[in-house]
Amino acid sequence: AERLGPDRAARVLMQVCAAAPDPVPPTDRA
């Protein structure tokens, strides 16, 4: 997290959200 910086970390989290269903089924949350 320190090496990424906040903007890069935010972009990664955006990409994960875009890939994940909303909401994520409980069986897939782990």
PDB file of all heavy atoms in Angstrom:
ATOM      1  N   ALA A   1       0.825  -1.207   0.000  1.00  0.00           N
ATOM      2  CA  ALA A   1       0.000   0.000   0.000  1.00  0.00           C
ATOM      3  C   ALA A   1       0.861   1.258   0.000  1.00  0.00           C
ATOM      4  O   ALA A   1       0.535   2.254  -0.658  1.00  0.00           O
ATOM      5  CB  ALA A   1      -0.942  -0.011   1.200  1.00  0.00           C
ATOM      6  N   GLU A   2       1.966   1.212   0.719  1.00  0.00           N
ATOM      7  CA  GLU A   2       2.861   2.370   0.752  1.00  0.00           C
ATOM      8  C   GLU A   2       3.516   2.595  -0.609  1.00  0.00           C
ATOM      9  O   GLU A   2       3.667   3.729  -1.065  1.00  0.00           O
ATOM     10  CB  GLU A   2       3.916   2.168   1.834  1.00  0.00           C
ATOM     11  CG  GLU A   2       3.348   2.117   3.242  1.00  0.00           C
ATOM     12  CD  GLU A   2       4.437   1.833   4.274  1.00  0.00           C
ATOM     13  OE1 GLU A   2       5.602   1.694   3.861  1.00  0.00           O
ATOM     14  OE2 GLU A   2       4.110   1.759   5.472  1.00  0.00           O
ATOM     15  N   ARG A   3       3.910   1.505  -1.265  1.00  0.00           N
ATOM     16  CA  ARG A   3       4.607   1.632  -2.545  1.00  0.00           C
ATOM     17  C   ARG A   3       3.660   2.039  -3.672  1.00  0.00           C
ATOM     18  O   ARG A   3       4.055   2.736  -4.611  1.00  0.00           O
ATOM     19  CB  ARG A   3       5.290   0.312  -2.898  1.00  0.00           C
ATOM     20  CG  ARG A   3       6.386  -0.076  -1.919  1.00  0.00           C
ATOM     21  CD  ARG A   3       7.088  -1.344  -2.346  1.00  0.00           C
ATOM     22  NE  ARG A   3       7.792  -1.177  -3.629  1.00  0.00           N
ATOM     23  CZ  ARG A   3       8.501  -2.129  -4.223  1.00  0.00           C
ATOM     24  NH1 ARG A   3       8.600  -3.318  -3.637  1.00  0.00           N
ATOM     25  NH2 ARG A   3       9.107  -1.901  -5.364  1.00  0.00           N
ATOM     26  N   LEU A   4       2.425   1.611  -3.602  1.00  0.00           N
ATOM     27  CA  LEU A   4       1.488   1.919  -4.688  1.00  0.00           C
ATOM     28  C   LEU A   4       1.137   3.398  -4.746  1.00  0.00           C
ATOM     29  O   LEU A   4       1.019   3.978  -5.824  1.00  0.00           O
ATOM     30  CB  LEU A   4       0.191   1.105  -4.514  1.00  0.00           C
ATOM     31  CG  LEU A   4       0.216  -0.369  -4.894  1.00  0.00           C
ATOM     32  CD1 LEU A   4      -1.155  -0.983  -4.626  1.00  0.00           C
ATOM     33  CD2 LEU A   4       0.598  -0.560  -6.355  1.00  0.00           C
ATOM     34  N   GLY A   5       0.890   3.995  -3.612  1.00  0.00           N
ATOM     35  CA  GLY A   5       0.357   5.355  -3.588  1.00  0.00           C
ATOM     36  C   GLY A   5      -1.153   5.317  -3.667  1.00  0.00           C
ATOM     37  O   GLY A   5      -1.753   4.350  -4.154  1.00  0.00           O
ATOM     38  N   PRO A   6      -1.841   6.350  -3.219  1.00  0.00           N
ATOM     39  CA  PRO A   6      -3.308   6.321  -3.121  1.00  0.00           C
ATOM     40  C   PRO A   6      -4.014   6.266  -4.467  1.00  0.00           C
ATOM     41  O   PRO A   6      -5.035   5.582  -4.603  1.00  0.00           O
ATOM     42  CB  PRO A   6      -3.639   7.610  -2.368  1.00  0.00           C
ATOM     43  CG  PRO A   6      -2.467   8.521  -2.641  1.00  0.00           C
ATOM     44  CD  PRO A   6      -1.279   7.616  -2.719  1.00  0.00           C
ATOM     45  N   ASP A   7      -3.494   6.975  -5.463  1.00  0.00           N
ATOM     46  CA  ASP A   7      -4.175   6.982  -6.758  1.00  0.00           C
ATOM     47  C   ASP A   7      -4.113   5.605  -7.414  1.00  0.00           C
ATOM     48  O   ASP A   7      -5.119   5.119  -7.955  1.00  0.00           O
ATOM     49  CB  ASP A   7      -3.550   8.029  -7.681  1.00  0.00           C
ATOM     50  CG  ASP A   7      -3.837   9.456  -7.214  1.00  0.00           C
ATOM     51  OD1 ASP A   7      -4.897   9.668  -6.587  1.00  0.00           O
ATOM     52  OD2 ASP A   7      -3.008  10.340  -7.466  1.00  0.00           O
ATOM     53  N   ARG A   8      -2.921   4.977  -7.388  1.00  0.00           N
ATOM     54  CA  ARG A   8      -2.789   3.650  -7.993  1.00  0.00           C
ATOM     55  C   ARG A   8      -3.616   2.622  -7.233  1.00  0.00           C
ATOM     56  O   ARG A   8      -4.267   1.748  -7.824  1.00  0.00           O
ATOM     57  CB  ARG A   8      -1.313   3.242  -8.017  1.00  0.00           C
ATOM     58  CG  ARG A   8      -1.018   1.983  -8.829  1.00  0.00           C
ATOM     59  CD  ARG A   8      -1.201   2.250 -10.312  1.00  0.00           C
ATOM     60  NE  ARG A   8      -0.867   1.108 -11.134  1.00  0.00           N
ATOM     61  CZ  ARG A   8       0.323   0.928 -11.739  1.00  0.00           C
ATOM     62  NH1 ARG A   8       1.291   1.825 -11.560  1.00  0.00           N
ATOM     63  NH2 ARG A   8       0.539  -0.120 -12.498  1.00  0.00           N
ATOM     64  N   ALA A   9      -3.632   2.713  -5.912  1.00  0.00           N
ATOM     65  CA  ALA A   9      -4.436   1.793  -5.114  1.00  0.00           C
ATOM     66  C   ALA A   9      -5.920   1.954  -5.423  1.00  0.00           C
ATOM     67  O   ALA A   9      -6.660   0.959  -5.556  1.00  0.00           O
ATOM     68  CB  ALA A   9      -4.179   2.025  -3.628  1.00  0.00           C
ATOM     69  N   ALA A  10      -6.363   3.200  -5.563  1.00  0.00           N
ATOM     70  CA  ALA A  10      -7.766   3.443  -5.894  1.00  0.00           C
ATOM     71  C   ALA A  10      -8.109   2.850  -7.259  1.00  0.00           C
ATOM     72  O   ALA A  10      -9.182   2.269  -7.445  1.00  0.00           O
ATOM     73  CB  ALA A  10      -8.059   4.943  -5.877  1.00  0.00           C
ATOM     74  N   ARG A  11      -7.185   2.981  -8.209  1.00  0.00           N
ATOM     75  CA  ARG A  11      -7.446   2.428  -9.543  1.00  0.00           C
ATOM     76  C   ARG A  11      -7.579   0.912  -9.492  1.00  0.00           C
ATOM     77  O   ARG A  11      -8.455   0.319 -10.137  1.00  0.00           O
ATOM     78  CB  ARG A  11      -6.328   2.811 -10.504  1.00  0.00           C
ATOM     79  CG  ARG A  11      -6.684   2.573 -11.958  1.00  0.00           C
ATOM     80  CD  ARG A  11      -5.487   2.720 -12.872  1.00  0.00           C
ATOM     81  NE  ARG A  11      -4.612   1.552 -12.789  1.00  0.00           N
ATOM     82  CZ  ARG A  11      -3.506   1.410 -13.495  1.00  0.00           C
ATOM     83  NH1 ARG A  11      -3.091   2.396 -14.282  1.00  0.00           N
ATOM     84  NH2 ARG A  11      -2.770   0.319 -13.388  1.00  0.00           N
ATOM     85  N   VAL A  12      -6.732   0.276  -8.712  1.00  0.00           N
ATOM     86  CA  VAL A  12      -6.811  -1.179  -8.568  1.00  0.00           C
ATOM     87  C   VAL A  12      -8.154  -1.581  -7.967  1.00  0.00           C
ATOM     88  O   VAL A  12      -8.811  -2.521  -8.439  1.00  0.00           O
ATOM     89  CB  VAL A  12      -5.651  -1.693  -7.699  1.00  0.00           C
ATOM     90  CG1 VAL A  12      -5.883  -3.149  -7.282  1.00  0.00           C
ATOM     91  CG2 VAL A  12      -4.333  -1.567  -8.450  1.00  0.00           C
ATOM     92  N   LEU A  13      -8.572  -0.883  -6.934  1.00  0.00           N
ATOM     93  CA  LEU A  13      -9.856  -1.207  -6.301  1.00  0.00           C
ATOM     94  C   LEU A  13     -11.021  -0.981  -7.263  1.00  0.00           C
ATOM     95  O   LEU A  13     -11.998  -1.747  -7.260  1.00  0.00           O
ATOM     96  CB  LEU A  13     -10.044  -0.380  -5.034  1.00  0.00           C
ATOM     97  CG  LEU A  13      -9.016  -0.642  -3.924  1.00  0.00           C
ATOM     98  CD1 LEU A  13      -9.287   0.253  -2.725  1.00  0.00           C
ATOM     99  CD2 LEU A  13      -9.008  -2.108  -3.516  1.00  0.00           C
ATOM    100  N   MET A  14     -10.946   0.051  -8.102  1.00  0.00           N
ATOM    101  CA  MET A  14     -11.967   0.259  -9.134  1.00  0.00           C
ATOM    102  C   MET A  14     -12.036  -0.942 -10.071  1.00  0.00           C
ATOM    103  O   MET A  14     -13.131  -1.411 -10.434  1.00  0.00           O
ATOM    104  CB  MET A  14     -11.651   1.514  -9.944  1.00  0.00           C
ATOM    105  CG  MET A  14     -11.918   2.830  -9.257  1.00  0.00           C
ATOM    106  SD  MET A  14     -11.570   4.182 -10.424  1.00  0.00           S
ATOM    107  CE  MET A  14     -11.542   5.577  -9.330  1.00  0.00           C
ATOM    108  N   GLN A  15     -10.864  -1.442 -10.475  1.00  0.00           N
ATOM    109  CA  GLN A  15     -10.832  -2.566 -11.395  1.00  0.00           C
ATOM    110  C   GLN A  15     -11.433  -3.818 -10.759  1.00  0.00           C
ATOM    111  O   GLN A  15     -12.159  -4.577 -11.413  1.00  0.00           O
ATOM    112  CB  GLN A  15      -9.397  -2.832 -11.836  1.00  0.00           C
ATOM    113  CG  GLN A  15      -8.805  -1.735 -12.707  1.00  0.00           C
ATOM    114  CD  GLN A  15      -7.311  -1.924 -12.952  1.00  0.00           C
ATOM    115  OE1 GLN A  15      -6.604  -2.499 -12.124  1.00  0.00           O
ATOM    116  NE2 GLN A  15      -6.829  -1.434 -14.077  1.00  0.00           N
ATOM    117  N   VAL A  16     -11.143  -4.017  -9.487  1.00  0.00           N
ATOM    118  CA  VAL A  16     -11.709  -5.174  -8.790  1.00  0.00           C
ATOM    119  C   VAL A  16     -13.226  -5.051  -8.718  1.00  0.00           C
ATOM    120  O   VAL A  16     -13.968  -6.014  -8.965  1.00  0.00           O
ATOM    121  CB  VAL A  16     -11.102  -5.313  -7.381  1.00  0.00           C
ATOM    122  CG1 VAL A  16     -11.793  -6.437  -6.608  1.00  0.00           C
ATOM    123  CG2 VAL A  16      -9.608  -5.577  -7.476  1.00  0.00           C
ATOM    124  N   CYS A  17     -13.717  -3.854  -8.383  1.00  0.00           N
ATOM    125  CA  CYS A  17     -15.170  -3.643  -8.312  1.00  0.00           C
ATOM    126  C   CYS A  17     -15.827  -3.868  -9.667  1.00  0.00           C
ATOM    127  O   CYS A  17     -16.919  -4.444  -9.757  1.00  0.00           O
ATOM    128  CB  CYS A  17     -15.465  -2.234  -7.809  1.00  0.00           C
ATOM    129  SG  CYS A  17     -15.117  -1.976  -6.060  1.00  0.00           S
ATOM    130  N   ALA A  18     -15.184  -3.414 -10.712  1.00  0.00           N
ATOM    131  CA  ALA A  18     -15.746  -3.596 -12.050  1.00  0.00           C
ATOM    132  C   ALA A  18     -15.832  -5.067 -12.427  1.00  0.00           C
ATOM    133  O   ALA A  18     -16.720  -5.482 -13.173  1.00  0.00           O
ATOM    134  CB  ALA A  18     -14.916  -2.833 -13.077  1.00  0.00           C
ATOM    135  N   ALA A  19     -14.900  -5.863 -11.907  1.00  0.00           N
ATOM    136  CA  ALA A  19     -14.875  -7.287 -12.236  1.00  0.00           C
ATOM    137  C   ALA A  19     -15.824  -8.105 -11.373  1.00  0.00           C
ATOM    138  O   ALA A  19     -16.225  -9.207 -11.763  1.00  0.00           O
ATOM    139  CB  ALA A  19     -13.454  -7.829 -12.064  1.00  0.00           C
ATOM    140  N   ALA A  20     -16.190  -7.591 -10.211  1.00  0.00           N
ATOM    141  CA  ALA A  20     -16.968  -8.373  -9.246  1.00  0.00           C
ATOM    142  C   ALA A  20     -18.458  -8.117  -9.408  1.00  0.00           C
ATOM    143  O   ALA A  20     -18.880  -7.011  -9.741  1.00  0.00           O
ATOM    144  CB  ALA A  20     -16.535  -8.009  -7.824  1.00  0.00           C
ATOM    145  N   PRO A  21     -19.286  -9.141  -9.166  1.00  0.00           N
ATOM    146  CA  PRO A  21     -20.742  -8.908  -9.153  1.00  0.00           C
ATOM    147  C   PRO A  21     -21.126  -8.027  -7.975  1.00  0.00           C
ATOM    148  O   PRO A  21     -20.350  -7.870  -7.022  1.00  0.00           O
ATOM    149  CB  PRO A  21     -21.330 -10.318  -9.014  1.00  0.00           C
ATOM    150  CG  PRO A  21     -20.227 -11.136  -8.427  1.00  0.00           C
ATOM    151  CD  PRO A  21     -18.939 -10.539  -8.897  1.00  0.00           C
ATOM    152  N   ASP A  22     -22.309  -7.444  -8.045  1.00  0.00           N
ATOM    153  CA  ASP A  22     -22.761  -6.531  -6.999  1.00  0.00           C
ATOM    154  C   ASP A  22     -24.153  -6.942  -6.519  1.00  0.00           C
ATOM    155  O   ASP A  22     -25.133  -6.705  -7.220  1.00  0.00           O
ATOM    156  CB  ASP A  22     -22.780  -5.098  -7.546  1.00  0.00           C
ATOM    157  CG  ASP A  22     -23.054  -4.060  -6.471  1.00  0.00           C
ATOM    158  OD1 ASP A  22     -23.133  -4.436  -5.292  1.00  0.00           O
ATOM    159  OD2 ASP A  22     -23.189  -2.879  -6.824  1.00  0.00           O
ATOM    160  N   PRO A  23     -24.249  -7.590  -5.351  1.00  0.00           N
ATOM    161  CA  PRO A  23     -23.161  -7.923  -4.424  1.00  0.00           C
ATOM    162  C   PRO A  23     -22.461  -9.214  -4.822  1.00  0.00           C
ATOM    163  O   PRO A  23     -22.981  -9.987  -5.625  1.00  0.00           O
ATOM    164  CB  PRO A  23     -23.897  -8.095  -3.095  1.00  0.00           C
ATOM    165  CG  PRO A  23     -25.234  -8.638  -3.509  1.00  0.00           C
ATOM    166  CD  PRO A  23     -25.576  -7.932  -4.798  1.00  0.00           C
ATOM    167  N   VAL A  24     -21.292  -9.440  -4.239  1.00  0.00           N
ATOM    168  CA  VAL A  24     -20.570 -10.680  -4.461  1.00  0.00           C
ATOM    169  C   VAL A  24     -21.274 -11.789  -3.672  1.00  0.00           C
ATOM    170  O   VAL A  24     -21.581 -11.611  -2.491  1.00  0.00           O
ATOM    171  CB  VAL A  24     -19.110 -10.550  -3.985  1.00  0.00           C
ATOM    172  CG1 VAL A  24     -18.378 -11.885  -4.117  1.00  0.00           C
ATOM    173  CG2 VAL A  24     -18.398  -9.469  -4.786  1.00  0.00           C
ATOM    174  N   PRO A  25     -21.554 -12.937  -4.298  1.00  0.00           N
ATOM    175  CA  PRO A  25     -22.178 -14.035  -3.549  1.00  0.00           C
ATOM    176  C   PRO A  25     -21.316 -14.420  -2.349  1.00  0.00           C
ATOM    177  O   PRO A  25     -20.077 -14.395  -2.432  1.00  0.00           O
ATOM    178  CB  PRO A  25     -22.234 -15.180  -4.578  1.00  0.00           C
ATOM    179  CG  PRO A  25     -22.195 -14.499  -5.907  1.00  0.00           C
ATOM    180  CD  PRO A  25     -21.346 -13.277  -5.715  1.00  0.00           C
ATOM    181  N   PRO A  26     -21.928 -14.767  -1.236  1.00  0.00           N
ATOM    182  CA  PRO A  26     -21.145 -15.107  -0.028  1.00  0.00           C
ATOM    183  C   PRO A  26     -20.079 -16.168  -0.278  1.00  0.00           C
ATOM    184  O   PRO A  26     -19.004 -16.110   0.316  1.00  0.00           O
ATOM    185  CB  PRO A  26     -22.216 -15.591   0.956  1.00  0.00           C
ATOM    186  CG  PRO A  26     -23.460 -14.848   0.536  1.00  0.00           C
ATOM    187  CD  PRO A  26     -23.380 -14.761  -0.963  1.00  0.00           C
ATOM    188  N   THR A  27     -20.370 -17.115  -1.165  1.00  0.00           N
ATOM    189  CA  THR A  27     -19.403 -18.191  -1.407  1.00  0.00           C
ATOM    190  C   THR A  27     -18.146 -17.697  -2.113  1.00  0.00           C
ATOM    191  O   THR A  27     -17.114 -18.371  -2.088  1.00  0.00           O
ATOM    192  CB  THR A  27     -20.046 -19.293  -2.257  1.00  0.00           C
ATOM    193  OG1 THR A  27     -20.602 -18.710  -3.453  1.00  0.00           O
ATOM    194  CG2 THR A  27     -21.150 -19.997  -1.484  1.00  0.00           C
ATOM    195  N   ASP A  28     -18.213 -16.534  -2.757  1.00  0.00           N
ATOM    196  CA  ASP A  28     -17.070 -16.019  -3.518  1.00  0.00           C
ATOM    197  C   ASP A  28     -16.329 -14.889  -2.794  1.00  0.00           C
ATOM    198  O   ASP A  28     -15.335 -14.376  -3.319  1.00  0.00           O
ATOM    199  CB  ASP A  28     -17.525 -15.510  -4.889  1.00  0.00           C
ATOM    200  CG  ASP A  28     -17.978 -16.640  -5.802  1.00  0.00           C
ATOM    201  OD1 ASP A  28     -17.598 -17.797  -5.537  1.00  0.00           O
ATOM    202  OD2 ASP A  28     -18.709 -16.364  -6.774  1.00  0.00           O
ATOM    203  N   ARG A  29     -16.795 -14.500  -1.627  1.00  0.00           N
ATOM    204  CA  ARG A  29     -16.208 -13.329  -0.970  1.00  0.00           C
ATOM    205  C   ARG A  29     -14.796 -13.579  -0.449  1.00  0.00           C
ATOM    206  O   ARG A  29     -13.963 -12.670  -0.440  1.00  0.00           O
ATOM    207  CB  ARG A  29     -17.124 -12.852   0.164  1.00  0.00           C
ATOM    208  CG  ARG A  29     -18.414 -12.236  -0.369  1.00  0.00           C
ATOM    209  CD  ARG A  29     -19.394 -11.882   0.723  1.00  0.00           C
ATOM    210  NE  ARG A  29     -20.630 -11.371   0.130  1.00  0.00           N
ATOM    211  CZ  ARG A  29     -21.727 -11.064   0.803  1.00  0.00           C
ATOM    212  NH1 ARG A  29     -21.742 -11.214   2.128  1.00  0.00           N
ATOM    213  NH2 ARG A  29     -22.801 -10.617   0.183  1.00  0.00           N
ATOM    214  N   ALA A  30     -14.513 -14.807  -0.051  1.00  0.00           N
ATOM    215  CA  ALA A  30     -13.169 -15.101   0.456  1.00  0.00           C
ATOM    216  C   ALA A  30     -12.120 -14.868  -0.614  1.00  0.00           C
ATOM    217  O   ALA A  30     -10.978 -14.502  -0.297  1.00  0.00           O
ATOM    218  CB  ALA A  30     -13.112 -16.549   0.959  1.00  0.00           C
TER     219      ALA A  30
END
